[in-house]
Protein backbone atom coordinates (compact mmCIF):
# COMPACT_ATOMS: atom_id res chain seq x y z
CA UNK A 1 -14.42 12.87 3.51
CA UNK A 2 -16.74 13.02 6.42
CA UNK A 3 -16.85 11.12 9.72
CA UNK A 4 -19.69 9.04 8.16
CA UNK A 5 -17.04 7.61 5.71
CA UNK A 6 -17.31 3.63 5.59
CA UNK A 7 -14.73 1.05 4.84
CA UNK A 8 -15.96 1.04 1.22
CA UNK A 9 -15.06 4.58 0.70
CA UNK A 10 -11.28 3.98 -0.31
CA UNK A 11 -12.44 1.32 -2.69
CA UNK A 12 -14.83 3.81 -4.48
CA UNK A 13 -11.99 6.41 -4.52
CA UNK A 14 -9.75 3.82 -6.44
CA UNK A 15 -12.55 2.78 -8.80
CA UNK A 16 -12.54 6.41 -9.88
CA UNK A 17 -8.78 6.93 -10.36
CA UNK A 18 -7.26 3.64 -11.10
CA UNK A 19 -6.96 4.03 -14.97
CA UNK A 20 -5.22 7.63 -14.55
CA UNK A 21 -3.11 6.68 -11.97
CA UNK A 22 -1.71 3.65 -13.89
CA UNK A 23 -0.23 6.05 -16.36
CA UNK A 24 1.30 8.06 -13.47
CA UNK A 25 2.58 5.48 -11.00
CA UNK A 26 3.14 2.57 -13.49
CA UNK A 27 1.33 -0.96 -13.17
CA UNK A 28 2.40 -1.47 -9.63
CA UNK A 29 0.62 1.57 -8.44
CA UNK A 30 3.08 2.36 -5.47
CA UNK A 31 6.06 4.33 -4.60
CA UNK A 32 9.49 3.49 -5.76
CA UNK A 33 12.72 2.91 -3.82
CA UNK A 34 15.69 4.69 -5.49
CA UNK A 35 19.28 3.35 -5.09
CA UNK A 36 20.61 5.67 -7.79
CA UNK A 37 19.09 9.19 -8.92
CA UNK A 38 19.04 7.88 -12.39
CA UNK A 39 16.74 4.78 -11.67
CA UNK A 40 13.69 4.75 -13.67
CA UNK A 41 10.19 4.36 -11.90
CA UNK A 42 9.76 0.84 -12.89
CA UNK A 43 13.15 -0.33 -11.62
CA UNK A 44 12.31 1.59 -8.37
CA UNK A 45 8.94 0.21 -7.91
CA UNK A 46 10.23 -3.10 -8.60
CA UNK A 47 12.97 -2.67 -5.86
CA UNK A 48 10.28 -1.80 -3.25
CA UNK A 49 8.28 -5.07 -4.20
CA UNK A 50 11.56 -7.00 -3.91
CA UNK A 51 12.18 -5.47 -0.43
CA UNK A 52 8.66 -6.56 0.63
CA UNK A 53 9.42 -10.08 -0.59
CA UNK A 54 12.67 -10.11 1.39
CA UNK A 55 10.88 -9.02 4.51
CA UNK A 56 8.13 -11.71 3.80
CA UNK A 57 10.97 -14.20 3.75
CA UNK A 58 8.57 -17.23 3.31
CA UNK A 59 6.75 -16.64 -0.13
CA UNK A 60 7.73 -20.09 -1.34
CA UNK A 61 5.75 -22.69 -3.63
CA UNK A 62 2.66 -23.54 -2.03
CA UNK A 63 2.81 -20.78 0.77
CA UNK A 64 -0.72 -19.08 1.63
CA UNK A 65 -0.42 -15.33 1.20
CA UNK A 66 -3.02 -12.96 2.07
CA UNK A 67 -2.57 -9.58 0.17
CA UNK A 68 -4.45 -7.02 1.97
CA UNK A 69 -5.17 -3.88 -0.28
CA UNK A 70 -4.23 -5.96 -3.45
CA UNK A 71 -4.91 -2.75 -5.95
CA UNK A 72 -4.94 -3.94 -9.39
CA UNK A 73 -3.68 -7.58 -8.76
CA UNK A 74 -0.31 -7.05 -10.46
CA UNK A 75 1.84 -8.14 -7.37
CA UNK A 76 -0.41 -10.89 -6.25
CA UNK A 77 -0.45 -12.44 -9.86
CA UNK A 78 3.34 -11.95 -9.97
CA UNK A 79 4.00 -13.71 -6.78
CA UNK A 80 1.61 -16.57 -7.80
CA UNK A 81 3.45 -16.71 -11.20
CA UNK A 82 6.97 -16.38 -10.04
CA UNK A 83 7.11 -18.11 -6.67
CA UNK A 84 4.20 -20.70 -7.00
CA UNK A 85 2.47 -19.26 -3.92
CA UNK A 86 -1.22 -19.43 -3.43
CA UNK A 87 -2.38 -15.77 -3.14
CA UNK A 88 -5.71 -14.31 -1.83
CA UNK A 89 -5.96 -10.55 -2.74
CA UNK A 90 -8.53 -8.55 -0.86
CA UNK A 91 -9.67 -4.85 -1.54
CA UNK A 92 -12.68 -2.87 -0.94
CA UNK A 93 -12.48 -1.71 -4.66
CA UNK A 94 -14.77 -3.53 -7.30
CA UNK A 95 -12.58 -2.37 -10.03
CA UNK A 96 -9.54 -3.95 -8.14
CA UNK A 97 -11.36 -7.19 -7.93
CA UNK A 98 -12.31 -7.41 -11.75
CA UNK A 99 -8.72 -6.17 -12.72
CA UNK A 100 -7.12 -8.73 -10.49
CA UNK A 101 -9.27 -11.71 -11.73
CA UNK A 102 -8.75 -10.79 -15.27
CA UNK A 103 -4.88 -10.44 -14.86
CA UNK A 104 -4.91 -13.94 -13.10
CA UNK A 105 -6.75 -15.48 -15.92
CA UNK A 106 -4.70 -13.93 -18.36
CA UNK A 107 -1.30 -15.22 -16.90
CA UNK A 108 -2.93 -18.50 -16.28
CA UNK A 109 -2.52 -18.43 -12.45
CA UNK A 110 -6.32 -18.13 -11.53
CA UNK A 111 -6.07 -21.59 -10.05
CA UNK A 112 -3.91 -20.13 -7.19
CA UNK A 113 -4.33 -16.38 -7.25
CA UNK A 114 -7.82 -15.26 -6.12
CA UNK A 115 -9.31 -11.67 -5.39
CA UNK A 116 -12.27 -11.02 -3.22
CA UNK A 117 -14.05 -7.82 -2.02
CA UNK A 118 -13.26 -7.66 1.79
CA UNK A 119 -12.25 -5.03 4.28
CA UNK A 120 -8.86 -5.42 5.83
CA UNK A 121 -9.98 -4.34 9.24
CA UNK A 122 -12.65 -7.19 9.28
CA UNK A 123 -11.76 -9.49 6.76
CA UNK A 124 -13.96 -12.42 7.90
CA UNK A 125 -11.30 -15.01 7.09
CA UNK A 126 -10.57 -18.11 9.41
CA UNK A 127 -7.79 -17.86 12.28
CA UNK A 128 -4.38 -19.12 11.38
CA UNK A 129 -5.14 -19.44 7.78
CA UNK A 130 -1.94 -17.79 6.11
CA UNK A 131 1.88 -18.16 5.99
CA UNK A 132 2.37 -14.32 5.03
CA UNK A 133 0.23 -11.34 5.27
CA UNK A 134 1.38 -8.75 2.75
CA UNK A 135 0.27 -5.14 3.39
CA UNK A 136 1.55 -2.85 0.56
CA UNK A 137 0.67 0.86 0.96
CA UNK A 138 -3.03 0.15 2.00
CA UNK A 139 -2.82 0.69 5.80
CA UNK A 140 -2.96 4.76 5.60
CA UNK A 141 -6.50 4.58 3.88
CA UNK A 142 -7.96 2.44 6.94
CA UNK A 143 -9.24 4.42 9.77
CA UNK A 144 -9.03 1.46 12.33
CA UNK A 145 -5.41 0.71 11.66
CA UNK A 146 -4.97 -1.15 15.01
CA UNK A 147 -7.90 -3.49 13.89
CA UNK A 148 -6.05 -4.12 10.53
CA UNK A 149 -2.90 -5.14 12.55
CA UNK A 150 -4.99 -7.19 14.80
CA UNK A 151 -6.67 -9.07 11.96
CA UNK A 152 -3.32 -9.60 10.08
CA UNK A 153 -1.98 -11.26 13.31
CA UNK A 154 -5.21 -13.31 13.74
CA UNK A 155 -5.11 -15.04 10.38
CA UNK A 156 -1.50 -15.66 10.52
CA UNK A 157 -0.30 -19.33 11.32
CA UNK A 158 2.14 -20.00 14.09
CA UNK A 159 5.59 -18.90 12.66
CA UNK A 160 3.90 -16.84 9.95
CA UNK A 161 5.04 -13.38 8.70
CA UNK A 162 3.54 -10.05 8.07
CA UNK A 163 5.27 -7.48 5.95
CA UNK A 164 4.03 -3.87 5.74
CA UNK A 165 5.25 -0.74 3.99
CA UNK A 166 3.32 2.62 3.79
CA UNK A 167 3.56 6.37 4.03
CA UNK A 168 4.27 7.31 7.75
CA UNK A 169 4.55 10.38 9.99
CA UNK A 170 8.20 11.18 11.06
CA UNK A 171 6.94 12.91 14.13
CA UNK A 172 3.71 13.88 15.73
CA UNK A 173 2.03 17.17 14.67
CA UNK A 174 0.97 19.86 17.09
CA UNK A 175 -2.52 21.19 16.50
CA UNK A 176 -1.06 24.54 15.22
CA UNK A 177 0.99 22.74 12.47
CA UNK A 178 -2.04 20.99 11.34
CA UNK A 179 -4.03 24.28 11.22
CA UNK A 180 -1.27 25.76 9.31
CA UNK A 181 -1.08 22.87 6.71
CA UNK A 182 -4.93 22.58 6.35
CA UNK A 183 -4.98 23.46 2.80
CA UNK A 184 -2.27 21.19 1.81
CA UNK A 185 -3.65 18.30 3.66
CA UNK A 186 -7.02 18.84 2.13
CA UNK A 187 -5.29 18.62 -1.29
CA UNK A 188 -3.76 15.42 -0.53
CA UNK A 189 -7.14 13.94 0.84
CA UNK A 190 -8.90 14.99 -2.34
CA UNK A 191 -6.19 13.36 -4.59
CA UNK A 192 -5.23 10.33 -2.54
CA UNK A 193 -8.22 9.68 -0.38
CA UNK A 194 -8.86 9.98 3.31
CA UNK A 195 -5.52 9.00 4.42
CA UNK A 196 -4.52 8.71 8.32
CA UNK A 197 -0.70 8.18 8.98
CA UNK A 198 1.03 6.78 11.74
CA UNK A 199 4.60 6.91 13.25
CA UNK A 200 6.56 3.67 12.53
CA UNK A 201 6.68 3.28 16.36
CA UNK A 202 3.09 3.02 16.57
CA UNK A 203 2.93 0.00 14.07
CA UNK A 204 5.73 -1.59 16.13
CA UNK A 205 3.73 -1.22 19.41
CA UNK A 206 0.63 -2.57 17.78
CA UNK A 207 2.31 -5.59 16.12
CA UNK A 208 4.00 -6.38 19.53
CA UNK A 209 0.75 -5.99 21.35
CA UNK A 210 -0.84 -8.49 19.18
CA UNK A 211 1.74 -11.03 19.68
CA UNK A 212 4.03 -10.37 16.85
CA UNK A 213 7.79 -9.98 17.17
CA UNK A 214 9.17 -7.18 14.88
CA UNK A 215 12.47 -7.78 13.16
CA UNK A 216 12.41 -5.16 10.32
CA UNK A 217 11.59 -1.49 10.76
CA UNK A 218 13.40 0.41 8.10
CA UNK A 219 13.13 4.10 7.26
CA UNK A 220 12.95 4.49 3.42
CA UNK A 221 12.18 8.28 3.31
CA UNK A 222 15.25 9.40 1.59
CA UNK A 223 15.05 6.52 -1.09
CA UNK A 224 11.44 7.15 -1.88
CA UNK A 225 11.92 10.91 -2.34
CA UNK A 226 12.64 10.87 -6.06
CA UNK A 227 9.21 9.00 -6.71
CA UNK A 228 7.48 12.48 -6.96
CA UNK A 229 9.61 13.85 -9.78
CA UNK A 230 9.08 10.71 -11.77
CA UNK A 231 5.30 10.87 -11.33
CA UNK A 232 5.43 14.28 -12.79
CA UNK A 233 7.47 13.18 -15.66
CA UNK A 234 4.79 10.50 -16.39
CA UNK A 235 2.11 13.10 -16.32
CA UNK A 236 3.86 15.20 -18.84
CA UNK A 237 4.52 12.01 -21.07
CA UNK A 238 0.78 11.08 -20.83
CA UNK A 239 -0.83 14.52 -20.29
CA UNK A 240 -3.72 14.07 -22.82
CA UNK A 241 -4.66 10.64 -21.51
CA UNK A 242 -4.25 11.65 -17.78
CA UNK A 243 -6.48 14.54 -18.22
CA UNK A 244 -9.08 12.73 -19.88
CA UNK A 245 -9.16 10.13 -17.31
CA UNK A 246 -8.91 12.34 -14.21
CA UNK A 247 -10.29 15.54 -15.65
CA UNK A 248 -8.29 18.81 -15.68
CA UNK A 249 -8.80 19.59 -12.22
CA UNK A 250 -7.89 16.18 -11.13
CA UNK A 251 -4.80 16.31 -13.29
CA UNK A 252 -3.64 19.81 -11.91
CA UNK A 253 -4.44 18.58 -8.17
CA UNK A 254 -2.32 15.53 -8.70
CA UNK A 255 0.53 17.75 -10.13
CA UNK A 256 0.40 20.11 -7.14
CA UNK A 257 0.14 17.28 -4.74
CA UNK A 258 3.48 16.00 -5.70
CA UNK A 259 5.17 19.21 -4.66
CA UNK A 260 3.15 19.23 -1.48
CA UNK A 261 4.57 15.60 -0.62
CA UNK A 262 8.13 16.69 -1.40
CA UNK A 263 7.75 19.62 1.11
CA UNK A 264 6.40 17.19 3.80
CA UNK A 265 9.14 14.93 3.19
CA UNK A 266 11.79 17.62 3.19
CA UNK A 267 10.42 19.26 6.47
CA UNK A 268 10.71 15.80 8.12
CA UNK A 269 6.82 15.61 8.55
CA UNK A 270 6.07 12.69 6.31
CA UNK A 271 8.17 9.72 5.08
CA UNK A 272 8.04 6.07 4.19
CA UNK A 273 8.92 2.86 6.10
CA UNK A 274 8.80 -0.84 5.73
CA UNK A 275 8.24 -3.43 8.77
CA UNK A 276 8.31 -7.08 9.11
CA UNK A 277 7.26 -9.16 12.05
CA UNK A 278 6.55 -12.76 12.91
CA UNK A 279 4.17 -14.82 14.92
CA UNK A 280 5.55 -17.00 17.49
CA UNK A 281 6.12 -20.76 16.20
CA UNK A 282 3.76 -21.87 18.86
CA UNK A 283 0.22 -20.85 19.07
CA UNK A 284 0.18 -19.29 22.52
């Protein structure tokens, strides 16, 4: 990606890869959290969703929830169906919006689960509108991540909560390390999009600066590590379809990227974390 990349670039990337990725990731399209090495991927991805729900703490009937980077709409529709919350899912992906709307209609929750094409770093929504802002594995694709946090804080009602999980840097990289890793990082960019990761402490600083009180900051690096092996197993199980959807080069690049990610996890460079924070009950 070039420096001229716009906020719609992540959306176009996901428009291209979504169908193939469903076969690799499963419907939820995110990492898994493994409590047992024998957990299957669906169990592990469901566990991450449950951790986000626990971190949000306020997704109840009638609660207003903003899902930033709503993917294919699986989670938003699930929250609407199971908890009776009112969800607005936003994404820069046209395919994601269409998929989410179709799923909401199919599940009979379109009256309370909506999807719109918006940018999480400039969402255009009114101040103090939502009880919960939910950001699952989308912040790393936004260049202006502090703007994302500022927007999340702005649209939260007093007493509202933000829950965010994502890939994160475990430590800052020296220029020489970046240079040594340039091929690996270029591969990850080609496969997953123009990602920009931060340390968890940076997110905490941003949340604090924008009036949020951080009460959850949990490192999930070790518990997400088995995800990569499960992705490879799904490629093997669905090889012909994955190759048809992603192309031979796309399939091979994704396969290799899982080994790159494992090395970055094991070398203490990259990892995964979850954060939760609350806006003060008074609107000061």
